[in-house]
Amino acid sequence: MIIKKLLLSTSIAAVAALSSAGAYAQTKAAGSGPNPFSDCGIGAALFSETKWAAVTSNVIWDVGTTAVISATASPETCSGKRVVAAVFVNNTYAKLSEETAAGRGEHLTTVLNILECNGARHDNAIKGIRVAMKEAIADPKYVDKSALEKASNFYSIIDNAVNNSCSV
C-alpha cells in the first residue's frame, strides 16, 4: 500500500512538473531553470548538497507541489536559505510578531541569521521590519488575512529589510 501511494505521489508530481514546464519554457531556454524537485522547495532547503534526498523530501512533503510552484512562478526563490527562512517565518509567525513588537528576540535573530544578515546590521534590519509591520498591521484588511497570508507578507517584509539593511 505504501509503495502504491509513493508511486501515485511521484506520478502526480511528475505530471505537475511537466504541465508547468510549458509555461516556464515560454520565457526561458530549455534546461536553464532550476530543477523543481532537487533545487526548490523544502527538500532543497534541507538537502541542498544531496539531490536524491531533496527529491525524496519534496515528494514526501507535499507531492512536490511547493517545489514545482516555486520553480515555475519564481525560480529565483529556489535558493535554500530563502526557503528555510520562509518555512521558519510560517512556523514561528506568532513568536516573530511578538519579538518584532519588542524589537528583539531569539526568533528574530535566527531568521536574520538564516538570511545571512551580518549581526552588526541586525538593528537596522529590525528597525525596517518594525516600520513595515506597523504599516501592514494598520491595514484594516490585515485582520481578515489567513495565517499563511500573514506569514507570507511578514516574510516579504523581512526579506526586503534584509536586502536594504544587510547587503554588503
N, C-alpha and C. Protein backbone atom coordinates (compact mmCIF):
# COMPACT_ATOMS: atom_id res chain seq x y z
N MET A 1 0.82 -1.19 0.00
CA MET A 1 0.00 0.00 0.00
C MET A 1 0.87 1.27 0.00
N ILE A 2 1.93 1.27 0.80
CA ILE A 2 2.82 2.44 0.87
C ILE A 2 3.50 2.65 -0.47
N ILE A 3 3.91 1.57 -1.12
CA ILE A 3 4.57 1.69 -2.42
C ILE A 3 3.60 2.26 -3.45
N LYS A 4 2.34 1.82 -3.41
CA LYS A 4 1.34 2.36 -4.34
C LYS A 4 1.16 3.85 -4.13
N LYS A 5 1.10 4.28 -2.87
CA LYS A 5 0.95 5.71 -2.57
C LYS A 5 2.16 6.50 -3.05
N LEU A 6 3.35 5.96 -2.83
CA LEU A 6 4.57 6.64 -3.27
C LEU A 6 4.60 6.74 -4.80
N LEU A 7 4.22 5.67 -5.49
CA LEU A 7 4.18 5.71 -6.95
C LEU A 7 3.14 6.71 -7.44
N LEU A 8 1.98 6.73 -6.80
CA LEU A 8 0.94 7.68 -7.18
C LEU A 8 1.43 9.11 -6.94
N SER A 9 2.04 9.34 -5.79
CA SER A 9 2.56 10.67 -5.46
C SER A 9 3.62 11.10 -6.46
N THR A 10 4.51 10.19 -6.81
CA THR A 10 5.56 10.51 -7.77
C THR A 10 4.96 10.81 -9.14
N SER A 11 3.97 10.05 -9.53
CA SER A 11 3.31 10.27 -10.83
C SER A 11 2.62 11.62 -10.86
N ILE A 12 1.92 11.95 -9.81
CA ILE A 12 1.24 13.25 -9.74
C ILE A 12 2.25 14.38 -9.80
N ALA A 13 3.34 14.25 -9.07
CA ALA A 13 4.37 15.28 -9.08
C ALA A 13 4.99 15.42 -10.46
N ALA A 14 5.22 14.32 -11.13
CA ALA A 14 5.80 14.38 -12.47
C ALA A 14 4.86 15.07 -13.45
N VAL A 15 3.56 14.76 -13.36
CA VAL A 15 2.57 15.41 -14.22
C VAL A 15 2.54 16.91 -13.95
N ALA A 16 2.58 17.28 -12.68
CA ALA A 16 2.58 18.70 -12.32
C ALA A 16 3.82 19.39 -12.88
N ALA A 17 4.94 18.74 -12.78
CA ALA A 17 6.18 19.32 -13.30
C ALA A 17 6.12 19.49 -14.80
N LEU A 18 5.63 18.47 -15.47
CA LEU A 18 5.55 18.55 -16.93
C LEU A 18 4.54 19.60 -17.40
N SER A 19 3.41 19.70 -16.71
CA SER A 19 2.40 20.67 -17.12
C SER A 19 2.86 22.09 -16.87
N SER A 20 3.60 22.31 -15.82
CA SER A 20 4.08 23.66 -15.53
C SER A 20 5.33 24.00 -16.34
N ALA A 21 6.00 23.01 -16.83
CA ALA A 21 7.22 23.25 -17.60
C ALA A 21 6.93 24.04 -18.87
N GLY A 22 5.75 23.81 -19.45
CA GLY A 22 5.39 24.53 -20.67
C GLY A 22 5.33 26.02 -20.46
N ALA A 23 4.74 26.44 -19.38
CA ALA A 23 4.64 27.88 -19.08
C ALA A 23 6.03 28.47 -18.84
N TYR A 24 6.88 27.74 -18.13
CA TYR A 24 8.22 28.23 -17.84
C TYR A 24 9.05 28.28 -19.12
N ALA A 25 8.87 27.29 -19.98
CA ALA A 25 9.67 27.20 -21.20
C ALA A 25 9.39 28.34 -22.17
N GLN A 26 8.24 28.97 -22.05
CA GLN A 26 7.91 30.06 -22.95
C GLN A 26 8.83 31.25 -22.75
N THR A 27 9.40 31.41 -21.56
CA THR A 27 10.24 32.56 -21.28
C THR A 27 11.71 32.21 -21.10
N LYS A 28 12.03 30.95 -20.92
CA LYS A 28 13.41 30.52 -20.67
C LYS A 28 13.80 29.41 -21.64
N ALA A 29 15.08 29.34 -21.93
CA ALA A 29 15.58 28.25 -22.76
C ALA A 29 15.46 26.94 -21.99
N ALA A 30 15.20 25.88 -22.70
CA ALA A 30 15.07 24.57 -22.07
C ALA A 30 16.30 24.25 -21.25
N GLY A 31 16.07 23.79 -20.04
CA GLY A 31 17.16 23.40 -19.16
C GLY A 31 17.85 24.53 -18.44
N SER A 32 17.40 25.78 -18.63
CA SER A 32 18.09 26.90 -18.00
C SER A 32 17.56 27.22 -16.60
N GLY A 33 16.42 26.68 -16.25
CA GLY A 33 15.83 26.96 -14.94
C GLY A 33 16.22 25.91 -13.92
N PRO A 34 15.80 26.12 -12.70
CA PRO A 34 16.10 25.15 -11.65
C PRO A 34 15.30 23.87 -11.84
N ASN A 35 15.83 22.76 -11.37
CA ASN A 35 15.08 21.51 -11.33
C ASN A 35 14.15 21.61 -10.14
N PRO A 36 12.84 21.61 -10.35
CA PRO A 36 11.92 21.84 -9.24
C PRO A 36 12.06 20.82 -8.11
N PHE A 37 12.42 19.61 -8.43
CA PHE A 37 12.46 18.58 -7.40
C PHE A 37 13.75 18.56 -6.59
N SER A 38 14.85 18.98 -7.20
CA SER A 38 16.12 18.94 -6.46
C SER A 38 16.62 20.31 -6.06
N ASP A 39 16.18 21.38 -6.74
CA ASP A 39 16.70 22.72 -6.49
C ASP A 39 15.71 23.65 -5.78
N CYS A 40 14.49 23.21 -5.58
CA CYS A 40 13.46 24.07 -4.99
C CYS A 40 12.74 23.36 -3.86
N GLY A 41 11.90 24.08 -3.18
CA GLY A 41 11.06 23.51 -2.14
C GLY A 41 11.80 23.18 -0.85
N ILE A 42 11.07 22.50 0.02
CA ILE A 42 11.59 22.12 1.33
C ILE A 42 12.80 21.19 1.17
N GLY A 43 12.71 20.27 0.22
CA GLY A 43 13.81 19.32 0.01
C GLY A 43 15.13 20.00 -0.27
N ALA A 44 15.11 21.00 -1.15
CA ALA A 44 16.34 21.71 -1.47
C ALA A 44 16.86 22.49 -0.27
N ALA A 45 15.95 23.00 0.54
CA ALA A 45 16.38 23.74 1.72
C ALA A 45 17.06 22.83 2.73
N LEU A 46 16.53 21.64 2.88
CA LEU A 46 17.08 20.72 3.86
C LEU A 46 18.28 19.94 3.36
N PHE A 47 18.28 19.62 2.05
CA PHE A 47 19.32 18.75 1.48
C PHE A 47 19.93 19.38 0.23
N SER A 48 20.47 20.56 0.37
CA SER A 48 21.00 21.28 -0.80
C SER A 48 22.15 20.56 -1.49
N GLU A 49 22.89 19.75 -0.79
CA GLU A 49 24.04 19.06 -1.37
C GLU A 49 23.74 17.61 -1.75
N THR A 50 22.55 17.12 -1.40
CA THR A 50 22.21 15.72 -1.67
C THR A 50 20.93 15.69 -2.48
N LYS A 51 21.09 15.66 -3.81
CA LYS A 51 19.96 15.79 -4.73
C LYS A 51 18.89 14.73 -4.51
N TRP A 52 19.27 13.45 -4.33
CA TRP A 52 18.27 12.40 -4.17
C TRP A 52 17.45 12.62 -2.91
N ALA A 53 18.07 13.13 -1.85
CA ALA A 53 17.35 13.38 -0.61
C ALA A 53 16.39 14.56 -0.78
N ALA A 54 16.81 15.58 -1.55
CA ALA A 54 15.94 16.72 -1.82
C ALA A 54 14.70 16.28 -2.59
N VAL A 55 14.90 15.46 -3.60
CA VAL A 55 13.78 14.96 -4.40
C VAL A 55 12.84 14.14 -3.53
N THR A 56 13.39 13.22 -2.77
CA THR A 56 12.58 12.37 -1.90
C THR A 56 11.80 13.20 -0.90
N SER A 57 12.44 14.16 -0.28
CA SER A 57 11.77 15.02 0.69
C SER A 57 10.64 15.82 0.06
N ASN A 58 10.89 16.39 -1.11
CA ASN A 58 9.84 17.16 -1.79
C ASN A 58 8.64 16.31 -2.13
N VAL A 59 8.87 15.10 -2.61
CA VAL A 59 7.76 14.23 -2.98
C VAL A 59 6.99 13.78 -1.74
N ILE A 60 7.71 13.45 -0.68
CA ILE A 60 7.05 13.01 0.55
C ILE A 60 6.31 14.17 1.21
N TRP A 61 6.93 15.35 1.24
CA TRP A 61 6.37 16.51 1.95
C TRP A 61 5.00 16.90 1.42
N ASP A 62 4.90 17.18 0.13
CA ASP A 62 3.61 17.61 -0.42
C ASP A 62 3.47 17.23 -1.89
N VAL A 63 3.99 16.06 -2.21
CA VAL A 63 3.96 15.53 -3.57
C VAL A 63 4.71 16.44 -4.54
N GLY A 64 5.60 17.26 -4.03
CA GLY A 64 6.39 18.14 -4.88
C GLY A 64 5.69 19.41 -5.33
N THR A 65 4.48 19.64 -4.86
CA THR A 65 3.69 20.79 -5.30
C THR A 65 4.40 22.11 -5.01
N THR A 66 4.87 22.30 -3.80
CA THR A 66 5.54 23.55 -3.43
C THR A 66 6.78 23.76 -4.28
N ALA A 67 7.54 22.71 -4.48
CA ALA A 67 8.76 22.82 -5.27
C ALA A 67 8.46 23.20 -6.71
N VAL A 68 7.46 22.57 -7.30
CA VAL A 68 7.12 22.85 -8.69
C VAL A 68 6.58 24.28 -8.83
N ILE A 69 5.73 24.68 -7.90
CA ILE A 69 5.18 26.03 -7.96
C ILE A 69 6.29 27.07 -7.82
N SER A 70 7.20 26.87 -6.87
CA SER A 70 8.27 27.85 -6.69
C SER A 70 9.18 27.90 -7.92
N ALA A 71 9.46 26.77 -8.53
CA ALA A 71 10.32 26.73 -9.71
C ALA A 71 9.65 27.41 -10.90
N THR A 72 8.34 27.27 -11.01
CA THR A 72 7.62 27.83 -12.14
C THR A 72 7.31 29.31 -11.96
N ALA A 73 6.77 29.66 -10.81
CA ALA A 73 6.33 31.03 -10.58
C ALA A 73 7.49 31.98 -10.29
N SER A 74 8.46 31.52 -9.54
CA SER A 74 9.56 32.41 -9.17
C SER A 74 10.83 31.59 -8.94
N PRO A 75 11.49 31.18 -10.02
CA PRO A 75 12.66 30.33 -9.89
C PRO A 75 13.79 30.93 -9.06
N GLU A 76 13.82 32.25 -8.97
CA GLU A 76 14.87 32.90 -8.18
C GLU A 76 14.73 32.62 -6.68
N THR A 77 13.57 32.11 -6.26
CA THR A 77 13.35 31.83 -4.84
C THR A 77 13.74 30.41 -4.45
N CYS A 78 14.33 29.68 -5.36
CA CYS A 78 14.67 28.29 -5.07
C CYS A 78 15.96 28.15 -4.26
N SER A 79 16.59 29.24 -3.93
CA SER A 79 17.80 29.19 -3.13
C SER A 79 17.45 28.71 -1.73
N GLY A 80 18.26 27.84 -1.18
CA GLY A 80 17.99 27.17 0.09
C GLY A 80 17.69 28.07 1.26
N LYS A 81 18.49 29.10 1.48
CA LYS A 81 18.30 29.93 2.68
C LYS A 81 16.96 30.65 2.64
N ARG A 82 16.49 31.04 1.48
CA ARG A 82 15.22 31.74 1.38
C ARG A 82 14.06 30.80 1.69
N VAL A 83 14.15 29.58 1.24
CA VAL A 83 13.11 28.61 1.54
C VAL A 83 13.10 28.30 3.03
N VAL A 84 14.27 28.09 3.59
CA VAL A 84 14.36 27.82 5.04
C VAL A 84 13.78 28.99 5.83
N ALA A 85 14.12 30.20 5.44
CA ALA A 85 13.59 31.38 6.14
C ALA A 85 12.08 31.47 6.02
N ALA A 86 11.54 31.21 4.83
CA ALA A 86 10.09 31.27 4.64
C ALA A 86 9.38 30.23 5.49
N VAL A 87 9.91 29.03 5.54
CA VAL A 87 9.32 27.99 6.38
C VAL A 87 9.41 28.39 7.85
N PHE A 88 10.55 28.92 8.24
CA PHE A 88 10.74 29.36 9.63
C PHE A 88 9.73 30.45 10.00
N VAL A 89 9.55 31.43 9.12
CA VAL A 89 8.59 32.51 9.38
C VAL A 89 7.19 31.93 9.50
N ASN A 90 6.83 31.04 8.61
CA ASN A 90 5.50 30.43 8.67
C ASN A 90 5.29 29.66 9.97
N ASN A 91 6.29 28.90 10.38
CA ASN A 91 6.16 28.07 11.58
C ASN A 91 6.24 28.84 12.88
N THR A 92 6.86 30.01 12.86
CA THR A 92 7.06 30.76 14.11
C THR A 92 6.45 32.16 14.04
N TYR A 93 5.47 32.34 13.16
CA TYR A 93 4.91 33.67 12.92
C TYR A 93 4.49 34.39 14.21
N ALA A 94 3.76 33.72 15.08
CA ALA A 94 3.26 34.37 16.30
C ALA A 94 4.42 34.87 17.16
N LYS A 95 5.41 34.04 17.36
CA LYS A 95 6.56 34.43 18.19
C LYS A 95 7.36 35.55 17.51
N LEU A 96 7.55 35.45 16.21
CA LEU A 96 8.27 36.50 15.47
C LEU A 96 7.53 37.83 15.57
N SER A 97 6.21 37.79 15.52
CA SER A 97 5.41 39.02 15.63
C SER A 97 5.63 39.68 16.99
N GLU A 98 5.59 38.86 18.03
CA GLU A 98 5.82 39.39 19.39
C GLU A 98 7.21 40.01 19.51
N GLU A 99 8.19 39.29 19.00
CA GLU A 99 9.58 39.77 19.10
C GLU A 99 9.79 41.03 18.26
N THR A 100 9.11 41.12 17.13
CA THR A 100 9.22 42.32 16.29
C THR A 100 8.65 43.51 17.05
N ALA A 101 7.53 43.32 17.72
CA ALA A 101 6.94 44.40 18.51
C ALA A 101 7.89 44.84 19.62
N ALA A 102 8.60 43.88 20.22
CA ALA A 102 9.55 44.18 21.30
C ALA A 102 10.86 44.75 20.75
N GLY A 103 11.15 44.49 19.46
CA GLY A 103 12.38 44.99 18.87
C GLY A 103 13.58 44.09 19.06
N ARG A 104 13.35 42.88 19.58
CA ARG A 104 14.45 41.93 19.77
C ARG A 104 13.87 40.57 20.12
N GLY A 105 14.71 39.55 19.94
CA GLY A 105 14.29 38.20 20.30
C GLY A 105 15.04 37.13 19.53
N GLU A 106 15.03 35.95 20.10
CA GLU A 106 15.76 34.81 19.56
C GLU A 106 15.28 34.42 18.15
N HIS A 107 13.98 34.39 17.93
CA HIS A 107 13.45 34.01 16.62
C HIS A 107 13.78 35.07 15.56
N LEU A 108 13.71 36.32 15.95
CA LEU A 108 14.04 37.41 15.04
C LEU A 108 15.52 37.34 14.64
N THR A 109 16.37 37.10 15.61
CA THR A 109 17.80 36.94 15.33
C THR A 109 18.05 35.72 14.44
N THR A 110 17.33 34.64 14.72
CA THR A 110 17.50 33.42 13.93
C THR A 110 17.15 33.63 12.47
N VAL A 111 16.01 34.27 12.19
CA VAL A 111 15.62 34.46 10.78
C VAL A 111 16.62 35.38 10.07
N LEU A 112 17.14 36.38 10.76
CA LEU A 112 18.15 37.24 10.15
C LEU A 112 19.44 36.46 9.88
N ASN A 113 19.79 35.57 10.79
CA ASN A 113 20.98 34.74 10.58
C ASN A 113 20.77 33.75 9.43
N ILE A 114 19.58 33.18 9.32
CA ILE A 114 19.28 32.27 8.21
C ILE A 114 19.51 33.00 6.88
N LEU A 115 19.08 34.26 6.83
CA LEU A 115 19.21 35.06 5.61
C LEU A 115 20.59 35.70 5.48
N GLU A 116 21.50 35.29 6.36
CA GLU A 116 22.90 35.71 6.34
C GLU A 116 23.10 37.21 6.49
N CYS A 117 22.28 37.80 7.33
CA CYS A 117 22.43 39.22 7.66
C CYS A 117 23.53 39.33 8.72
N ASN A 118 24.52 40.15 8.45
CA ASN A 118 25.62 40.37 9.39
C ASN A 118 25.05 40.87 10.72
N GLY A 119 25.50 40.27 11.81
CA GLY A 119 25.00 40.62 13.15
C GLY A 119 25.10 42.10 13.46
N ALA A 120 26.10 42.76 12.93
CA ALA A 120 26.27 44.20 13.16
C ALA A 120 25.17 45.01 12.48
N ARG A 121 24.46 44.40 11.54
CA ARG A 121 23.41 45.11 10.81
C ARG A 121 22.00 44.69 11.24
N HIS A 122 21.92 43.82 12.23
CA HIS A 122 20.62 43.36 12.71
C HIS A 122 19.73 44.51 13.17
N ASP A 123 20.29 45.45 13.92
CA ASP A 123 19.47 46.56 14.44
C ASP A 123 18.79 47.34 13.32
N ASN A 124 19.53 47.63 12.25
CA ASN A 124 18.93 48.36 11.13
C ASN A 124 17.85 47.54 10.45
N ALA A 125 18.10 46.24 10.27
CA ALA A 125 17.10 45.37 9.66
C ALA A 125 15.85 45.31 10.52
N ILE A 126 16.02 45.17 11.82
CA ILE A 126 14.88 45.09 12.73
C ILE A 126 14.07 46.38 12.71
N LYS A 127 14.75 47.52 12.65
CA LYS A 127 14.02 48.79 12.54
C LYS A 127 13.15 48.81 11.28
N GLY A 128 13.71 48.36 10.17
CA GLY A 128 12.95 48.31 8.92
C GLY A 128 11.78 47.35 9.01
N ILE A 129 11.99 46.21 9.63
CA ILE A 129 10.92 45.22 9.81
C ILE A 129 9.80 45.80 10.66
N ARG A 130 10.17 46.48 11.75
CA ARG A 130 9.17 47.04 12.66
C ARG A 130 8.31 48.10 11.97
N VAL A 131 8.94 48.98 11.19
CA VAL A 131 8.20 50.03 10.48
C VAL A 131 7.22 49.40 9.49
N ALA A 132 7.72 48.45 8.70
CA ALA A 132 6.87 47.82 7.69
C ALA A 132 5.75 46.99 8.31
N MET A 133 6.03 46.31 9.41
CA MET A 133 4.98 45.52 10.08
C MET A 133 3.92 46.44 10.70
N LYS A 134 4.35 47.56 11.23
CA LYS A 134 3.39 48.52 11.79
C LYS A 134 2.42 48.97 10.71
N GLU A 135 2.94 49.24 9.52
CA GLU A 135 2.09 49.63 8.40
C GLU A 135 1.18 48.49 7.97
N ALA A 136 1.71 47.28 7.92
CA ALA A 136 0.91 46.11 7.50
C ALA A 136 -0.24 45.85 8.46
N ILE A 137 0.05 45.93 9.75
CA ILE A 137 -0.97 45.66 10.76
C ILE A 137 -2.02 46.77 10.79
N ALA A 138 -1.64 47.98 10.43
CA ALA A 138 -2.59 49.11 10.42
C ALA A 138 -3.62 48.99 9.30
N ASP A 139 -3.35 48.17 8.29
CA ASP A 139 -4.29 47.98 7.20
C ASP A 139 -5.54 47.28 7.73
N PRO A 140 -6.72 47.84 7.54
CA PRO A 140 -7.95 47.21 8.05
C PRO A 140 -8.18 45.80 7.51
N LYS A 141 -7.63 45.47 6.35
CA LYS A 141 -7.81 44.14 5.76
C LYS A 141 -6.90 43.09 6.41
N TYR A 142 -5.95 43.53 7.20
CA TYR A 142 -4.98 42.62 7.81
C TYR A 142 -5.67 41.57 8.68
N VAL A 143 -6.65 41.97 9.43
CA VAL A 143 -7.35 41.07 10.35
C VAL A 143 -7.99 39.90 9.61
N ASP A 144 -8.45 40.14 8.40
CA ASP A 144 -9.15 39.11 7.64
C ASP A 144 -8.22 38.16 6.89
N LYS A 145 -6.93 38.42 6.91
CA LYS A 145 -5.98 37.56 6.19
C LYS A 145 -5.81 36.25 6.92
N SER A 146 -5.54 35.20 6.15
CA SER A 146 -5.26 33.89 6.75
C SER A 146 -3.87 33.92 7.39
N ALA A 147 -3.61 32.93 8.21
CA ALA A 147 -2.30 32.83 8.86
C ALA A 147 -1.20 32.71 7.80
N LEU A 148 -1.46 31.96 6.74
CA LEU A 148 -0.46 31.81 5.69
C LEU A 148 -0.21 33.13 4.96
N GLU A 149 -1.26 33.90 4.72
CA GLU A 149 -1.09 35.21 4.07
C GLU A 149 -0.30 36.16 4.96
N LYS A 150 -0.58 36.13 6.25
CA LYS A 150 0.17 36.99 7.18
C LYS A 150 1.64 36.59 7.22
N ALA A 151 1.90 35.29 7.28
CA ALA A 151 3.29 34.81 7.31
C ALA A 151 4.00 35.15 6.00
N SER A 152 3.31 35.00 4.90
CA SER A 152 3.91 35.32 3.60
C SER A 152 4.25 36.80 3.51
N ASN A 153 3.34 37.64 3.96
CA ASN A 153 3.58 39.08 3.97
C ASN A 153 4.75 39.42 4.90
N PHE A 154 4.78 38.78 6.05
CA PHE A 154 5.86 39.03 7.01
C PHE A 154 7.20 38.60 6.43
N TYR A 155 7.22 37.45 5.73
CA TYR A 155 8.46 37.01 5.10
C TYR A 155 8.93 38.07 4.09
N SER A 156 8.01 38.59 3.29
CA SER A 156 8.38 39.62 2.30
C SER A 156 8.96 40.85 2.98
N ILE A 157 8.39 41.23 4.11
CA ILE A 157 8.89 42.38 4.87
C ILE A 157 10.30 42.11 5.37
N ILE A 158 10.51 40.92 5.91
CA ILE A 158 11.84 40.56 6.42
C ILE A 158 12.84 40.52 5.28
N ASP A 159 12.47 39.89 4.18
CA ASP A 159 13.36 39.78 3.02
C ASP A 159 13.73 41.17 2.50
N ASN A 160 12.77 42.06 2.43
CA ASN A 160 13.03 43.43 1.97
C ASN A 160 13.97 44.16 2.93
N ALA A 161 13.73 44.01 4.23
CA ALA A 161 14.60 44.65 5.22
C ALA A 161 16.03 44.12 5.14
N VAL A 162 16.15 42.81 4.94
CA VAL A 162 17.49 42.22 4.81
C VAL A 162 18.19 42.75 3.56
N ASN A 163 17.45 42.82 2.45
CA ASN A 163 18.04 43.35 1.22
C ASN A 163 18.47 44.80 1.36
N ASN A 164 17.71 45.60 2.11
CA ASN A 164 18.02 47.01 2.29
C ASN A 164 19.07 47.28 3.36
N SER A 165 19.12 46.44 4.38
CA SER A 165 19.99 46.73 5.52
C SER A 165 21.21 45.84 5.64
N CYS A 166 21.17 44.67 5.06
CA CYS A 166 22.22 43.70 5.33
C CYS A 166 23.15 43.43 4.16
N SER A 167 22.79 43.92 2.99
CA SER A 167 23.65 43.68 1.83
C SER A 167 24.96 44.43 1.98
N VAL A 168 26.00 43.78 1.55
CA VAL A 168 27.34 44.37 1.67
C VAL A 168 27.56 45.41 0.62
